[in-house]
Amino acid sequence: MTRPIKIKINVTKILKEHIYEGKNGKYLNLVAWPNKNGAGQFGDTHFVSQDIPKEARDSGVQAPILGNLTLPEDEAPRQQARPDQRTMPPKQTVNDDGLETDEIPF
């Protein structure tokens, strides 16, 4: 028996300037990414963000996280660290203050 994939999004976070007009109406592109730490508190397996054009990303616009996606248990991905994540520490750099920092921006 096929079970539905459940998606919940907060429509107030949608960047309306990136909704586009297509042949049969207006469209919103979304992308779902697996949660890094497995299923969330409510069983969500992925987070959903708005997929914005490359030009907008290049100009500094961040795609908003709109919500969550829950795959049925039999379709949920198994959590495995990629080899590069297990063996490679974050690259260390020195910022303008002379302090060491990694390249992760948060």
Protein backbone atom coordinates (compact mmCIF):
# COMPACT_ATOMS: atom_id res chain seq x y z
CA MET A 1 0.00 0.00 0.00
CA THR A 2 1.36 3.41 -0.94
CA ARG A 3 1.40 5.96 1.84
CA PRO A 4 1.46 9.71 1.31
CA ILE A 5 4.46 11.94 1.78
CA LYS A 6 3.36 14.71 4.13
CA ILE A 7 4.63 18.26 3.63
CA LYS A 8 3.89 21.25 5.85
CA ILE A 9 4.99 24.74 4.87
CA ASN A 10 4.57 28.19 6.36
CA VAL A 11 3.19 30.18 3.42
CA THR A 12 3.94 33.53 5.11
CA LYS A 13 7.70 32.89 4.62
CA ILE A 14 7.46 32.48 0.82
CA LEU A 15 9.49 35.06 -1.12
CA LYS A 16 6.71 36.16 -3.46
CA GLU A 17 9.14 37.75 -5.93
CA HIS A 18 10.35 34.24 -6.79
CA ILE A 19 6.92 32.87 -7.66
CA TYR A 20 6.85 32.65 -11.42
CA GLU A 21 4.16 32.64 -14.09
CA GLY A 22 4.01 29.48 -16.16
CA LYS A 23 1.81 28.29 -18.98
CA ASN A 24 -0.89 26.96 -16.63
CA GLY A 25 -0.62 29.29 -13.65
CA LYS A 26 1.76 30.55 -10.98
CA TYR A 27 4.46 28.24 -9.62
CA LEU A 28 6.62 27.97 -6.53
CA ASN A 29 9.72 25.77 -6.65
CA LEU A 30 10.54 23.89 -3.47
CA VAL A 31 13.44 21.66 -2.47
CA ALA A 32 13.60 19.11 0.38
CA TRP A 33 16.84 18.27 2.18
CA PRO A 34 17.29 15.33 4.60
CA ASN A 35 17.66 16.32 8.25
CA LYS A 36 21.31 15.91 9.25
CA ASN A 37 20.44 14.42 12.64
CA GLY A 38 17.66 12.06 11.55
CA ALA A 39 13.94 12.41 12.19
CA GLY A 40 12.80 15.45 14.16
CA GLN A 41 10.60 15.63 17.24
CA PHE A 42 7.43 15.17 15.18
CA GLY A 43 8.81 12.54 12.78
CA ASP A 44 9.84 14.95 10.05
CA THR A 45 12.65 13.50 7.93
CA HIS A 46 13.47 16.53 5.73
CA PHE A 47 13.25 20.30 5.80
CA VAL A 48 11.68 22.17 2.90
CA SER A 49 13.01 25.42 1.51
CA GLN A 50 12.08 27.66 -1.38
CA ASP A 51 14.24 27.01 -4.42
CA ILE A 52 15.31 30.43 -5.66
CA PRO A 53 17.17 31.22 -8.88
CA LYS A 54 20.97 31.03 -8.94
CA GLU A 55 21.19 34.75 -9.75
CA ALA A 56 19.30 35.59 -6.52
CA ARG A 57 21.52 33.24 -4.47
CA ASP A 58 24.64 34.77 -6.03
CA SER A 59 23.43 38.24 -5.05
CA GLY A 60 23.10 37.18 -1.40
CA VAL A 61 19.41 36.21 -1.13
CA GLN A 62 18.96 33.27 1.24
CA ALA A 63 16.31 30.71 0.46
CA PRO A 64 13.85 30.59 3.37
CA ILE A 65 13.15 27.34 5.19
CA LEU A 66 9.40 26.97 4.79
CA GLY A 67 8.66 23.79 6.70
CA ASN A 68 9.08 20.05 6.97
CA LEU A 69 8.48 16.87 5.04
CA THR A 70 7.73 13.46 6.52
CA LEU A 71 8.44 10.32 4.52
CA PRO A 72 6.71 7.08 5.49
CA GLU A 73 9.00 4.93 7.66
CA ASP A 74 9.62 2.41 4.89
CA GLU A 75 10.84 5.19 2.56
CA ALA A 76 12.81 7.29 5.07
CA PRO A 77 16.53 7.51 4.32
CA ARG A 78 18.92 5.75 6.67
CA GLN A 79 21.31 8.18 8.29
CA GLN A 80 24.88 7.56 7.18
CA ALA A 81 27.72 10.00 7.35
CA ARG A 82 29.44 10.51 4.03
CA PRO A 83 33.11 9.49 4.11
CA ASP A 84 34.25 13.09 3.72
CA GLN A 85 32.14 14.12 6.75
CA ARG A 86 33.61 11.40 8.97
CA THR A 87 37.26 12.03 8.17
CA MET A 88 37.64 15.68 7.24
CA PRO A 89 37.56 18.32 10.00
CA PRO A 90 36.29 21.80 9.05
CA LYS A 91 38.95 23.90 7.35
CA GLN A 92 40.40 26.44 9.77
CA THR A 93 41.07 30.00 8.65
CA VAL A 94 42.01 33.25 10.37
CA ASN A 95 39.43 36.05 10.30
CA ASP A 96 40.08 39.82 10.23
CA ASP A 97 40.48 39.88 14.03
CA GLY A 98 43.29 37.33 13.87
CA LEU A 99 41.10 34.61 15.43
CA GLU A 100 40.89 31.08 14.05
CA THR A 101 37.52 30.18 12.61
CA ASP A 102 36.07 27.46 10.41
CA GLU A 103 34.41 28.17 7.07
CA ILE A 104 30.89 27.50 8.40
CA PRO A 105 29.09 30.88 8.36
CA PHE A 106 27.07 30.29 11.55
